[in-house]
Amino acid sequence: MNFMHRDEEVDYFPSRYDPARHAERFPIPPAICSGRREKCIIEKENNFKSDPG
């Protein structure tokens, strides 16, 4: 094996052959989202009822 001559590589990122790219800019929506947060108790669900399949 010739370890000095490399024309492919292991899947590491970023690499010499596939450099890191910047993400595209995400468009900011013009409408402003408004509202409020509130605490509430979420009722438990029983998804595993004993009904036969």
PDB file of N, CA and C in Angstrom:
ATOM      1  N   MET A   1       0.835  -1.190   0.000  1.00  0.00           N
ATOM      2  CA  MET A   1       0.000   0.000   0.000  1.00  0.00           C
ATOM      3  C   MET A   1       0.873   1.244   0.000  1.00  0.00           C
ATOM      4  N   ASN A   2       0.426   2.218  -0.726  1.00  0.00           N
ATOM      5  CA  ASN A   2       1.149   3.479  -0.755  1.00  0.00           C
ATOM      6  C   ASN A   2       0.351   4.493   0.061  1.00  0.00           C
ATOM      7  N   PHE A   3       0.850   4.825   1.231  1.00  0.00           N
ATOM      8  CA  PHE A   3       0.130   5.744   2.107  1.00  0.00           C
ATOM      9  C   PHE A   3       0.372   7.203   1.750  1.00  0.00           C
ATOM     10  N   MET A   4       1.358   7.468   0.930  1.00  0.00           N
ATOM     11  CA  MET A   4       1.658   8.855   0.567  1.00  0.00           C
ATOM     12  C   MET A   4       0.747   9.348  -0.551  1.00  0.00           C
ATOM     13  N   HIS A   5       0.338   8.460  -1.444  1.00  0.00           N
ATOM     14  CA  HIS A   5      -0.520   8.867  -2.562  1.00  0.00           C
ATOM     15  C   HIS A   5      -1.975   8.620  -2.173  1.00  0.00           C
ATOM     16  N   ARG A   6      -2.701   9.699  -1.970  1.00  0.00           N
ATOM     17  CA  ARG A   6      -4.102   9.564  -1.561  1.00  0.00           C
ATOM     18  C   ARG A   6      -4.998  10.242  -2.588  1.00  0.00           C
ATOM     19  N   ASP A   7      -5.860   9.476  -3.213  1.00  0.00           N
ATOM     20  CA  ASP A   7      -6.839  10.076  -4.116  1.00  0.00           C
ATOM     21  C   ASP A   7      -8.252   9.932  -3.577  1.00  0.00           C
ATOM     22  N   GLU A   8      -8.386   9.304  -2.425  1.00  0.00           N
ATOM     23  CA  GLU A   8      -9.662   9.247  -1.729  1.00  0.00           C
ATOM     24  C   GLU A   8      -9.368   9.241  -0.247  1.00  0.00           C
ATOM     25  N   GLU A   9     -10.376   9.462   0.551  1.00  0.00           N
ATOM     26  CA  GLU A   9     -10.126   9.554   1.983  1.00  0.00           C
ATOM     27  C   GLU A   9     -11.308   9.020   2.767  1.00  0.00           C
ATOM     28  N   VAL A  10     -11.104   8.915   4.054  1.00  0.00           N
ATOM     29  CA  VAL A  10     -12.153   8.466   4.955  1.00  0.00           C
ATOM     30  C   VAL A  10     -13.177   9.582   5.074  1.00  0.00           C
ATOM     31  N   ASP A  11     -14.391   9.254   5.493  1.00  0.00           N
ATOM     32  CA  ASP A  11     -15.496  10.208   5.521  1.00  0.00           C
ATOM     33  C   ASP A  11     -15.402  11.151   6.723  1.00  0.00           C
ATOM     34  N   TYR A  12     -14.373  11.993   6.727  1.00  0.00           N
ATOM     35  CA  TYR A  12     -14.255  13.029   7.743  1.00  0.00           C
ATOM     36  C   TYR A  12     -14.727  14.338   7.140  1.00  0.00           C
ATOM     37  N   PHE A  13     -15.206  15.233   7.969  1.00  0.00           N
ATOM     38  CA  PHE A  13     -15.692  16.506   7.440  1.00  0.00           C
ATOM     39  C   PHE A  13     -15.222  17.629   8.336  1.00  0.00           C
ATOM     40  N   PRO A  14     -14.771  18.737   7.867  1.00  0.00           N
ATOM     41  CA  PRO A  14     -14.497  19.069   6.464  1.00  0.00           C
ATOM     42  C   PRO A  14     -13.219  18.388   5.995  1.00  0.00           C
ATOM     43  N   SER A  15     -13.073  18.276   4.714  1.00  0.00           N
ATOM     44  CA  SER A  15     -11.920  17.576   4.172  1.00  0.00           C
ATOM     45  C   SER A  15     -11.258  18.426   3.098  1.00  0.00           C
ATOM     46  N   ARG A  16     -10.136  17.926   2.605  1.00  0.00           N
ATOM     47  CA  ARG A  16      -9.443  18.646   1.532  1.00  0.00           C
ATOM     48  C   ARG A  16     -10.233  18.579   0.243  1.00  0.00           C
ATOM     49  N   TYR A  17     -10.906  17.469   0.019  1.00  0.00           N
ATOM     50  CA  TYR A  17     -11.599  17.274  -1.247  1.00  0.00           C
ATOM     51  C   TYR A  17     -13.008  17.850  -1.239  1.00  0.00           C
ATOM     52  N   ASP A  18     -13.609  17.966  -0.076  1.00  0.00           N
ATOM     53  CA  ASP A  18     -14.966  18.506   0.044  1.00  0.00           C
ATOM     54  C   ASP A  18     -14.953  19.552   1.151  1.00  0.00           C
ATOM     55  N   PRO A  19     -14.584  20.789   0.842  1.00  0.00           N
ATOM     56  CA  PRO A  19     -14.447  21.801   1.892  1.00  0.00           C
ATOM     57  C   PRO A  19     -15.794  22.170   2.507  1.00  0.00           C
ATOM     58  N   ALA A  20     -15.733  22.774   3.676  1.00  0.00           N
ATOM     59  CA  ALA A  20     -16.954  23.187   4.379  1.00  0.00           C
ATOM     60  C   ALA A  20     -17.642  24.295   3.597  1.00  0.00           C
ATOM     61  N   ARG A  21     -18.964  24.224   3.555  1.00  0.00           N
ATOM     62  CA  ARG A  21     -19.756  25.247   2.862  1.00  0.00           C
ATOM     63  C   ARG A  21     -20.624  25.971   3.879  1.00  0.00           C
ATOM     64  N   HIS A  22     -20.876  27.225   3.628  1.00  0.00           N
ATOM     65  CA  HIS A  22     -21.744  27.986   4.510  1.00  0.00           C
ATOM     66  C   HIS A  22     -23.199  27.674   4.170  1.00  0.00           C
ATOM     67  N   ALA A  23     -24.030  27.671   5.180  1.00  0.00           N
ATOM     68  CA  ALA A  23     -25.450  27.407   4.969  1.00  0.00           C
ATOM     69  C   ALA A  23     -26.095  28.591   4.256  1.00  0.00           C
ATOM     70  N   GLU A  24     -27.143  28.306   3.501  1.00  0.00           N
ATOM     71  CA  GLU A  24     -27.866  29.377   2.822  1.00  0.00           C
ATOM     72  C   GLU A  24     -28.590  30.228   3.857  1.00  0.00           C
ATOM     73  N   ARG A  25     -28.764  31.498   3.524  1.00  0.00           N
ATOM     74  CA  ARG A  25     -29.467  32.386   4.441  1.00  0.00           C
ATOM     75  C   ARG A  25     -30.946  32.033   4.454  1.00  0.00           C
ATOM     76  N   PHE A  26     -31.505  31.940   5.642  1.00  0.00           N
ATOM     77  CA  PHE A  26     -32.917  31.621   5.790  1.00  0.00           C
ATOM     78  C   PHE A  26     -33.704  32.923   5.722  1.00  0.00           C
ATOM     79  N   PRO A  27     -34.727  33.018   4.872  1.00  0.00           N
ATOM     80  CA  PRO A  27     -35.485  34.269   4.782  1.00  0.00           C
ATOM     81  C   PRO A  27     -36.265  34.537   6.068  1.00  0.00           C
ATOM     82  N   ILE A  28     -36.166  35.741   6.572  1.00  0.00           N
ATOM     83  CA  ILE A  28     -36.872  36.126   7.792  1.00  0.00           C
ATOM     84  C   ILE A  28     -38.289  36.540   7.404  1.00  0.00           C
ATOM     85  N   PRO A  29     -39.319  35.917   7.984  1.00  0.00           N
ATOM     86  CA  PRO A  29     -40.693  36.273   7.605  1.00  0.00           C
ATOM     87  C   PRO A  29     -41.023  37.700   8.053  1.00  0.00           C
ATOM     88  N   PRO A  30     -41.781  38.430   7.240  1.00  0.00           N
ATOM     89  CA  PRO A  30     -42.103  39.816   7.601  1.00  0.00           C
ATOM     90  C   PRO A  30     -43.097  39.910   8.757  1.00  0.00           C
ATOM     91  N   ALA A  31     -43.977  38.913   8.915  1.00  0.00           N
ATOM     92  CA  ALA A  31     -44.969  38.965   9.989  1.00  0.00           C
ATOM     93  C   ALA A  31     -44.315  38.556  11.303  1.00  0.00           C
ATOM     94  N   ILE A  32     -44.560  39.322  12.338  1.00  0.00           N
ATOM     95  CA  ILE A  32     -43.988  39.038  13.646  1.00  0.00           C
ATOM     96  C   ILE A  32     -44.933  38.117  14.403  1.00  0.00           C
ATOM     97  N   CYS A  33     -44.395  37.059  14.939  1.00  0.00           N
ATOM     98  CA  CYS A  33     -45.186  36.107  15.712  1.00  0.00           C
ATOM     99  C   CYS A  33     -45.306  36.633  17.137  1.00  0.00           C
ATOM    100  N   SER A  34     -46.515  36.734  17.619  1.00  0.00           N
ATOM    101  CA  SER A  34     -46.702  37.227  18.980  1.00  0.00           C
ATOM    102  C   SER A  34     -47.623  36.274  19.725  1.00  0.00           C
ATOM    103  N   GLY A  35     -47.497  36.278  21.011  1.00  0.00           N
ATOM    104  CA  GLY A  35     -48.319  35.399  21.829  1.00  0.00           C
ATOM    105  C   GLY A  35     -47.751  35.344  23.231  1.00  0.00           C
ATOM    106  N   ARG A  36     -48.180  34.351  23.991  1.00  0.00           N
ATOM    107  CA  ARG A  36     -47.657  34.203  25.338  1.00  0.00           C
ATOM    108  C   ARG A  36     -47.531  32.729  25.665  1.00  0.00           C
ATOM    109  N   ARG A  37     -46.695  32.467  26.642  1.00  0.00           N
ATOM    110  CA  ARG A  37     -46.518  31.102  27.117  1.00  0.00           C
ATOM    111  C   ARG A  37     -47.291  30.939  28.400  1.00  0.00           C
ATOM    112  N   GLU A  38     -47.810  29.770  28.596  1.00  0.00           N
ATOM    113  CA  GLU A  38     -48.479  29.515  29.865  1.00  0.00           C
ATOM    114  C   GLU A  38     -48.213  28.079  30.288  1.00  0.00           C
ATOM    115  N   LYS A  39     -48.171  27.885  31.585  1.00  0.00           N
ATOM    116  CA  LYS A  39     -47.954  26.548  32.123  1.00  0.00           C
ATOM    117  C   LYS A  39     -49.289  25.841  32.249  1.00  0.00           C
ATOM    118  N   CYS A  40     -49.312  24.583  31.858  1.00  0.00           N
ATOM    119  CA  CYS A  40     -50.510  23.782  32.053  1.00  0.00           C
ATOM    120  C   CYS A  40     -50.092  22.323  32.182  1.00  0.00           C
ATOM    121  N   ILE A  41     -50.926  21.545  32.815  1.00  0.00           N
ATOM    122  CA  ILE A  41     -50.650  20.132  33.001  1.00  0.00           C
ATOM    123  C   ILE A  41     -51.189  19.373  31.796  1.00  0.00           C
ATOM    124  N   ILE A  42     -50.333  18.574  31.184  1.00  0.00           N
ATOM    125  CA  ILE A  42     -50.740  17.775  30.034  1.00  0.00           C
ATOM    126  C   ILE A  42     -51.244  16.442  30.551  1.00  0.00           C
ATOM    127  N   GLU A  43     -52.446  16.086  30.158  1.00  0.00           N
ATOM    128  CA  GLU A  43     -53.025  14.837  30.630  1.00  0.00           C
ATOM    129  C   GLU A  43     -52.307  13.658  29.995  1.00  0.00           C
ATOM    130  N   LYS A  44     -52.155  12.594  30.773  1.00  0.00           N
ATOM    131  CA  LYS A  44     -51.444  11.415  30.298  1.00  0.00           C
ATOM    132  C   LYS A  44     -52.309  10.635  29.320  1.00  0.00           C
ATOM    133  N   GLU A  45     -51.649  10.057  28.313  1.00  0.00           N
ATOM    134  CA  GLU A  45     -52.333   9.212  27.345  1.00  0.00           C
ATOM    135  C   GLU A  45     -51.996   7.763  27.631  1.00  0.00           C
ATOM    136  N   ASN A  46     -52.932   6.875  27.348  1.00  0.00           N
ATOM    137  CA  ASN A  46     -52.670   5.451  27.455  1.00  0.00           C
ATOM    138  C   ASN A  46     -52.787   4.865  26.052  1.00  0.00           C
ATOM    139  N   ASN A  47     -51.665   4.822  25.340  1.00  0.00           N
ATOM    140  CA  ASN A  47     -51.665   4.304  23.976  1.00  0.00           C
ATOM    141  C   ASN A  47     -51.607   2.784  23.936  1.00  0.00           C
ATOM    142  N   PHE A  48     -51.442   2.152  25.094  1.00  0.00           N
ATOM    143  CA  PHE A  48     -51.315   0.702  25.156  1.00  0.00           C
ATOM    144  C   PHE A  48     -52.515   0.113  25.887  1.00  0.00           C
ATOM    145  N   LYS A  49     -53.690   0.384  25.363  1.00  0.00           N
ATOM    146  CA  LYS A  49     -54.912  -0.133  25.984  1.00  0.00           C
ATOM    147  C   LYS A  49     -54.969  -1.642  25.822  1.00  0.00           C
ATOM    148  N   SER A  50     -55.716  -2.287  26.678  1.00  0.00           N
ATOM    149  CA  SER A  50     -55.745  -3.750  26.677  1.00  0.00           C
ATOM    150  C   SER A  50     -56.741  -4.322  25.674  1.00  0.00           C
ATOM    151  N   ASP A  51     -57.093  -3.566  24.640  1.00  0.00           N
ATOM    152  CA  ASP A  51     -57.990  -4.099  23.614  1.00  0.00           C
ATOM    153  C   ASP A  51     -57.222  -5.092  22.747  1.00  0.00           C
ATOM    154  N   PRO A  52     -57.816  -6.256  22.466  1.00  0.00           N
ATOM    155  CA  PRO A  52     -57.110  -7.202  21.590  1.00  0.00           C
ATOM    156  C   PRO A  52     -57.050  -6.661  20.166  1.00  0.00           C
ATOM    157  N   GLY A  53     -55.911  -6.887  19.515  1.00  0.00           N
ATOM    158  CA  GLY A  53     -55.616  -6.359  18.203  1.00  0.00           C
ATOM    159  C   GLY A  53     -56.519  -6.802  17.151  1.00  0.00           C
TER     160      GLY A  53
END
